[in-house]
Structure formats: C-alpha cells, structure tokens
Amino acid sequence: MDIVYILIGLVIGVVIGFFLARFFMKKYLKKNPPINEQMIKAMMMQMGRTPSQKQVNQMMKAMSKYM
C-alpha cells in the first residue's frame, strides 16, 4: 500500500512540475522574446531585401502569434 502512495505522489509531482515549468517558460519567453526587430532586419538584409518598418511589424506580429 505504501508503494501505491509513493507512485501516486510521483505522478502528481510530475504533473504539477510540468505545468509550473510550462508557465514559467511562457512567462520568460514573453518577457525575453528569442527574436527581436533588429534580428528580423538583419535577416531580411542578408536575403537582399531592404525591409520597411511595416514589413518588420508584420513579421513581429506573425512571430508573436506562434509563441
């Protein structure tokens, strides 16, 4: 019976840990996005395009949609 309690405790701990880690990662990524406007401008310049601010804003909006 003690083993059952240990297993139930482990399962509950894993589930709670997963959701806490997910919450903190979402919060961190929202605060520190992996891609910013300067990176998008540099990427477009490397592809041979001169980006306008409107294009950069569209790219940022598209990126934030998937985060």
PDB file of N, CA and C in Angstrom:
ATOM      1  N   MET A   1       0.826  -1.197   0.000  1.00  0.00           N
ATOM      2  CA  MET A   1       0.000   0.000   0.000  1.00  0.00           C
ATOM      3  C   MET A   1       0.868   1.259   0.000  1.00  0.00           C
ATOM      4  N   ASP A   2       2.012   1.189   0.676  1.00  0.00           N
ATOM      5  CA  ASP A   2       2.910   2.338   0.709  1.00  0.00           C
ATOM      6  C   ASP A   2       3.456   2.655  -0.681  1.00  0.00           C
ATOM      7  N   ILE A   3       3.694   1.630  -1.470  1.00  0.00           N
ATOM      8  CA  ILE A   3       4.219   1.825  -2.822  1.00  0.00           C
ATOM      9  C   ILE A   3       3.199   2.567  -3.681  1.00  0.00           C
ATOM     10  N   VAL A   4       1.935   2.273  -3.497  1.00  0.00           N
ATOM     11  CA  VAL A   4       0.870   2.940  -4.252  1.00  0.00           C
ATOM     12  C   VAL A   4       0.865   4.441  -3.931  1.00  0.00           C
ATOM     13  N   TYR A   5       1.008   4.776  -2.649  1.00  0.00           N
ATOM     14  CA  TYR A   5       1.040   6.189  -2.253  1.00  0.00           C
ATOM     15  C   TYR A   5       2.263   6.898  -2.850  1.00  0.00           C
ATOM     16  N   ILE A   6       3.381   6.219  -2.871  1.00  0.00           N
ATOM     17  CA  ILE A   6       4.602   6.799  -3.461  1.00  0.00           C
ATOM     18  C   ILE A   6       4.403   7.033  -4.952  1.00  0.00           C
ATOM     19  N   LEU A   7       3.834   6.079  -5.643  1.00  0.00           N
ATOM     20  CA  LEU A   7       3.596   6.230  -7.081  1.00  0.00           C
ATOM     21  C   LEU A   7       2.598   7.347  -7.369  1.00  0.00           C
ATOM     22  N   ILE A   8       1.547   7.425  -6.588  1.00  0.00           N
ATOM     23  CA  ILE A   8       0.562   8.497  -6.775  1.00  0.00           C
ATOM     24  C   ILE A   8       1.209   9.855  -6.525  1.00  0.00           C
ATOM     25  N   GLY A   9       2.037   9.941  -5.484  1.00  0.00           N
ATOM     26  CA  GLY A   9       2.748  11.185  -5.194  1.00  0.00           C
ATOM     27  C   GLY A   9       3.699  11.579  -6.317  1.00  0.00           C
ATOM     28  N   LEU A  10       4.397  10.599  -6.883  1.00  0.00           N
ATOM     29  CA  LEU A  10       5.298  10.883  -8.005  1.00  0.00           C
ATOM     30  C   LEU A  10       4.541  11.384  -9.227  1.00  0.00           C
ATOM     31  N   VAL A  11       3.434  10.741  -9.539  1.00  0.00           N
ATOM     32  CA  VAL A  11       2.635  11.157 -10.702  1.00  0.00           C
ATOM     33  C   VAL A  11       2.109  12.575 -10.504  1.00  0.00           C
ATOM     34  N   ILE A  12       1.590  12.852  -9.328  1.00  0.00           N
ATOM     35  CA  ILE A  12       1.074  14.201  -9.048  1.00  0.00           C
ATOM     36  C   ILE A  12       2.206  15.221  -9.120  1.00  0.00           C
ATOM     37  N   GLY A  13       3.377  14.869  -8.580  1.00  0.00           N
ATOM     38  CA  GLY A  13       4.529  15.767  -8.633  1.00  0.00           C
ATOM     39  C   GLY A  13       4.980  16.046 -10.051  1.00  0.00           C
ATOM     40  N   VAL A  14       4.995  15.033 -10.896  1.00  0.00           N
ATOM     41  CA  VAL A  14       5.391  15.218 -12.299  1.00  0.00           C
ATOM     42  C   VAL A  14       4.405  16.124 -13.022  1.00  0.00           C
ATOM     43  N   VAL A  15       3.121  15.923 -12.799  1.00  0.00           N
ATOM     44  CA  VAL A  15       2.096  16.744 -13.464  1.00  0.00           C
ATOM     45  C   VAL A  15       2.201  18.194 -13.007  1.00  0.00           C
ATOM     46  N   ILE A  16       2.311  18.414 -11.714  1.00  0.00           N
ATOM     47  CA  ILE A  16       2.433  19.790 -11.201  1.00  0.00           C
ATOM     48  C   ILE A  16       3.720  20.429 -11.701  1.00  0.00           C
ATOM     49  N   GLY A  17       4.825  19.680 -11.703  1.00  0.00           N
ATOM     50  CA  GLY A  17       6.094  20.197 -12.198  1.00  0.00           C
ATOM     51  C   GLY A  17       6.033  20.576 -13.664  1.00  0.00           C
ATOM     52  N   PHE A  18       5.358  19.763 -14.462  1.00  0.00           N
ATOM     53  CA  PHE A  18       5.217  20.059 -15.888  1.00  0.00           C
ATOM     54  C   PHE A  18       4.491  21.381 -16.108  1.00  0.00           C
ATOM     55  N   PHE A  19       3.364  21.568 -15.407  1.00  0.00           N
ATOM     56  CA  PHE A  19       2.589  22.787 -15.608  1.00  0.00           C
ATOM     57  C   PHE A  19       3.307  24.020 -15.060  1.00  0.00           C
ATOM     58  N   LEU A  20       4.018  23.877 -13.963  1.00  0.00           N
ATOM     59  CA  LEU A  20       4.797  25.003 -13.441  1.00  0.00           C
ATOM     60  C   LEU A  20       5.925  25.386 -14.410  1.00  0.00           C
ATOM     61  N   ALA A  21       6.638  24.391 -14.930  1.00  0.00           N
ATOM     62  CA  ALA A  21       7.719  24.667 -15.875  1.00  0.00           C
ATOM     63  C   ALA A  21       7.169  25.325 -17.143  1.00  0.00           C
ATOM     64  N   ARG A  22       6.039  24.850 -17.615  1.00  0.00           N
ATOM     65  CA  ARG A  22       5.410  25.428 -18.808  1.00  0.00           C
ATOM     66  C   ARG A  22       5.016  26.882 -18.567  1.00  0.00           C
ATOM     67  N   PHE A  23       4.431  27.167 -17.394  1.00  0.00           N
ATOM     68  CA  PHE A  23       4.022  28.526 -17.054  1.00  0.00           C
ATOM     69  C   PHE A  23       5.226  29.459 -17.010  1.00  0.00           C
ATOM     70  N   PHE A  24       6.296  29.039 -16.341  1.00  0.00           N
ATOM     71  CA  PHE A  24       7.465  29.902 -16.215  1.00  0.00           C
ATOM     72  C   PHE A  24       8.179  30.097 -17.551  1.00  0.00           C
ATOM     73  N   MET A  25       8.193  29.077 -18.416  1.00  0.00           N
ATOM     74  CA  MET A  25       8.823  29.233 -19.729  1.00  0.00           C
ATOM     75  C   MET A  25       8.024  30.194 -20.603  1.00  0.00           C
ATOM     76  N   LYS A  26       6.708  30.108 -20.574  1.00  0.00           N
ATOM     77  CA  LYS A  26       5.887  31.047 -21.343  1.00  0.00           C
ATOM     78  C   LYS A  26       6.111  32.472 -20.852  1.00  0.00           C
ATOM     79  N   LYS A  27       6.161  32.641 -19.547  1.00  0.00           N
ATOM     80  CA  LYS A  27       6.389  33.958 -18.962  1.00  0.00           C
ATOM     81  C   LYS A  27       7.759  34.490 -19.363  1.00  0.00           C
ATOM     82  N   TYR A  28       8.781  33.648 -19.329  1.00  0.00           N
ATOM     83  CA  TYR A  28      10.139  34.053 -19.699  1.00  0.00           C
ATOM     84  C   TYR A  28      10.219  34.428 -21.178  1.00  0.00           C
ATOM     85  N   LEU A  29       9.616  33.618 -22.041  1.00  0.00           N
ATOM     86  CA  LEU A  29       9.673  33.900 -23.479  1.00  0.00           C
ATOM     87  C   LEU A  29       8.888  35.145 -23.848  1.00  0.00           C
ATOM     88  N   LYS A  30       7.826  35.433 -23.122  1.00  0.00           N
ATOM     89  CA  LYS A  30       7.068  36.652 -23.384  1.00  0.00           C
ATOM     90  C   LYS A  30       7.890  37.872 -22.971  1.00  0.00           C
ATOM     91  N   LYS A  31       8.621  37.752 -21.884  1.00  0.00           N
ATOM     92  CA  LYS A  31       9.440  38.859 -21.387  1.00  0.00           C
ATOM     93  C   LYS A  31      10.716  39.018 -22.218  1.00  0.00           C
ATOM     94  N   ASN A  32      11.311  37.927 -22.652  1.00  0.00           N
ATOM     95  CA  ASN A  32      12.557  37.933 -23.426  1.00  0.00           C
ATOM     96  C   ASN A  32      12.360  37.149 -24.718  1.00  0.00           C
ATOM     97  N   PRO A  33      11.741  37.766 -25.714  1.00  0.00           N
ATOM     98  CA  PRO A  33      11.481  37.020 -26.952  1.00  0.00           C
ATOM     99  C   PRO A  33      12.790  36.627 -27.638  1.00  0.00           C
ATOM    100  N   PRO A  34      12.821  35.448 -28.238  1.00  0.00           N
ATOM    101  CA  PRO A  34      14.054  34.981 -28.871  1.00  0.00           C
ATOM    102  C   PRO A  34      14.411  35.751 -30.140  1.00  0.00           C
ATOM    103  N   ILE A  35      13.445  36.410 -30.762  1.00  0.00           N
ATOM    104  CA  ILE A  35      13.700  37.178 -31.986  1.00  0.00           C
ATOM    105  C   ILE A  35      13.181  38.593 -31.777  1.00  0.00           C
ATOM    106  N   ASN A  36      14.018  39.574 -32.082  1.00  0.00           N
ATOM    107  CA  ASN A  36      13.579  40.958 -31.953  1.00  0.00           C
ATOM    108  C   ASN A  36      13.660  41.649 -33.314  1.00  0.00           C
ATOM    109  N   GLU A  37      13.315  42.928 -33.359  1.00  0.00           N
ATOM    110  CA  GLU A  37      13.240  43.654 -34.633  1.00  0.00           C
ATOM    111  C   GLU A  37      14.596  43.730 -35.335  1.00  0.00           C
ATOM    112  N   GLN A  38      15.654  43.911 -34.567  1.00  0.00           N
ATOM    113  CA  GLN A  38      16.977  44.010 -35.183  1.00  0.00           C
ATOM    114  C   GLN A  38      17.362  42.701 -35.865  1.00  0.00           C
ATOM    115  N   MET A  39      17.006  41.581 -35.276  1.00  0.00           N
ATOM    116  CA  MET A  39      17.306  40.289 -35.884  1.00  0.00           C
ATOM    117  C   MET A  39      16.535  40.102 -37.181  1.00  0.00           C
ATOM    118  N   ILE A  40      15.277  40.526 -37.188  1.00  0.00           N
ATOM    119  CA  ILE A  40      14.465  40.408 -38.407  1.00  0.00           C
ATOM    120  C   ILE A  40      15.039  41.291 -39.511  1.00  0.00           C
ATOM    121  N   LYS A  41      15.422  42.526 -39.164  1.00  0.00           N
ATOM    122  CA  LYS A  41      16.021  43.423 -40.150  1.00  0.00           C
ATOM    123  C   LYS A  41      17.302  42.829 -40.717  1.00  0.00           C
ATOM    124  N   ALA A  42      18.146  42.279 -39.856  1.00  0.00           N
ATOM    125  CA  ALA A  42      19.402  41.682 -40.310  1.00  0.00           C
ATOM    126  C   ALA A  42      19.143  40.490 -41.222  1.00  0.00           C
ATOM    127  N   MET A  43      18.157  39.674 -40.875  1.00  0.00           N
ATOM    128  CA  MET A  43      17.833  38.508 -41.679  1.00  0.00           C
ATOM    129  C   MET A  43      17.345  38.925 -43.068  1.00  0.00           C
ATOM    130  N   MET A  44      16.485  39.939 -43.121  1.00  0.00           N
ATOM    131  CA  MET A  44      15.978  40.398 -44.415  1.00  0.00           C
ATOM    132  C   MET A  44      17.085  41.054 -45.242  1.00  0.00           C
ATOM    133  N   MET A  45      17.994  41.759 -44.577  1.00  0.00           N
ATOM    134  CA  MET A  45      19.109  42.379 -45.299  1.00  0.00           C
ATOM    135  C   MET A  45      20.021  41.293 -45.886  1.00  0.00           C
ATOM    136  N   GLN A  46      20.212  40.192 -45.180  1.00  0.00           N
ATOM    137  CA  GLN A  46      21.036  39.091 -45.687  1.00  0.00           C
ATOM    138  C   GLN A  46      20.395  38.434 -46.899  1.00  0.00           C
ATOM    139  N   MET A  47      19.075  38.471 -46.963  1.00  0.00           N
ATOM    140  CA  MET A  47      18.373  37.903 -48.117  1.00  0.00           C
ATOM    141  C   MET A  47      18.334  38.874 -49.289  1.00  0.00           C
ATOM    142  N   GLY A  48      18.908  40.060 -49.116  1.00  0.00           N
ATOM    143  CA  GLY A  48      18.965  41.015 -50.209  1.00  0.00           C
ATOM    144  C   GLY A  48      17.777  41.955 -50.273  1.00  0.00           C
ATOM    145  N   ARG A  49      17.006  42.053 -49.213  1.00  0.00           N
ATOM    146  CA  ARG A  49      15.848  42.944 -49.180  1.00  0.00           C
ATOM    147  C   ARG A  49      16.096  44.055 -48.180  1.00  0.00           C
ATOM    148  N   THR A  50      15.585  45.228 -48.500  1.00  0.00           N
ATOM    149  CA  THR A  50      15.620  46.335 -47.552  1.00  0.00           C
ATOM    150  C   THR A  50      14.243  46.419 -46.911  1.00  0.00           C
ATOM    151  N   PRO A  51      14.136  46.025 -45.646  1.00  0.00           N
ATOM    152  CA  PRO A  51      12.811  45.948 -45.032  1.00  0.00           C
ATOM    153  C   PRO A  51      12.294  47.319 -44.606  1.00  0.00           C
ATOM    154  N   SER A  52      11.006  47.513 -44.789  1.00  0.00           N
ATOM    155  CA  SER A  52      10.363  48.715 -44.253  1.00  0.00           C
ATOM    156  C   SER A  52       9.881  48.394 -42.839  1.00  0.00           C
ATOM    157  N   GLN A  53       9.541  49.419 -42.100  1.00  0.00           N
ATOM    158  CA  GLN A  53       9.071  49.203 -40.734  1.00  0.00           C
ATOM    159  C   GLN A  53       7.757  48.424 -40.727  1.00  0.00           C
ATOM    160  N   LYS A  54       6.939  48.622 -41.755  1.00  0.00           N
ATOM    161  CA  LYS A  54       5.671  47.894 -41.853  1.00  0.00           C
ATOM    162  C   LYS A  54       5.931  46.391 -41.996  1.00  0.00           C
ATOM    163  N   GLN A  55       6.913  46.025 -42.827  1.00  0.00           N
ATOM    164  CA  GLN A  55       7.234  44.614 -43.007  1.00  0.00           C
ATOM    165  C   GLN A  55       7.776  44.001 -41.711  1.00  0.00           C
ATOM    166  N   VAL A  56       8.606  44.768 -41.015  1.00  0.00           N
ATOM    167  CA  VAL A  56       9.165  44.278 -39.753  1.00  0.00           C
ATOM    168  C   VAL A  56       8.043  44.079 -38.738  1.00  0.00           C
ATOM    169  N   ASN A  57       7.101  45.014 -38.672  1.00  0.00           N
ATOM    170  CA  ASN A  57       5.976  44.883 -37.745  1.00  0.00           C
ATOM    171  C   ASN A  57       5.119  43.667 -38.079  1.00  0.00           C
ATOM    172  N   GLN A  58       4.917  43.411 -39.382  1.00  0.00           N
ATOM    173  CA  GLN A  58       4.139  42.243 -39.784  1.00  0.00           C
ATOM    174  C   GLN A  58       4.831  40.960 -39.368  1.00  0.00           C
ATOM    175  N   MET A  59       6.154  40.916 -39.527  1.00  0.00           N
ATOM    176  CA  MET A  59       6.912  39.728 -39.137  1.00  0.00           C
ATOM    177  C   MET A  59       6.854  39.520 -37.622  1.00  0.00           C
ATOM    178  N   MET A  60       6.965  40.608 -36.857  1.00  0.00           N
ATOM    179  CA  MET A  60       6.907  40.502 -35.392  1.00  0.00           C
ATOM    180  C   MET A  60       5.534  40.005 -34.944  1.00  0.00           C
ATOM    181  N   LYS A  61       4.485  40.504 -35.598  1.00  0.00           N
ATOM    182  CA  LYS A  61       3.126  40.075 -35.250  1.00  0.00           C
ATOM    183  C   LYS A  61       2.939  38.595 -35.577  1.00  0.00           C
ATOM    184  N   ALA A  62       3.490  38.168 -36.716  1.00  0.00           N
ATOM    185  CA  ALA A  62       3.380  36.762 -37.098  1.00  0.00           C
ATOM    186  C   ALA A  62       4.165  35.871 -36.136  1.00  0.00           C
ATOM    187  N   MET A  63       5.328  36.339 -35.698  1.00  0.00           N
ATOM    188  CA  MET A  63       6.134  35.554 -34.767  1.00  0.00           C
ATOM    189  C   MET A  63       5.447  35.466 -33.400  1.00  0.00           C
ATOM    190  N   SER A  64       4.885  36.560 -32.920  1.00  0.00           N
ATOM    191  CA  SER A  64       4.257  36.534 -31.602  1.00  0.00           C
ATOM    192  C   SER A  64       2.988  35.696 -31.597  1.00  0.00           C
ATOM    193  N   LYS A  65       2.392  35.515 -32.763  1.00  0.00           N
ATOM    194  CA  LYS A  65       1.191  34.696 -32.870  1.00  0.00           C
ATOM    195  C   LYS A  65       1.479  33.239 -32.515  1.00  0.00           C
ATOM    196  N   TYR A  66       2.685  32.766 -32.817  1.00  0.00           N
ATOM    197  CA  TYR A  66       3.035  31.370 -32.592  1.00  0.00           C
ATOM    198  C   TYR A  66       3.769  31.131 -31.288  1.00  0.00           C
ATOM    199  N   MET A  67       3.960  32.150 -30.484  1.00  0.00           N
ATOM    200  CA  MET A  67       4.655  31.982 -29.199  1.00  0.00           C
ATOM    201  C   MET A  67       3.701  31.915 -28.061  1.00  0.00           C
TER     202      MET A  67
END
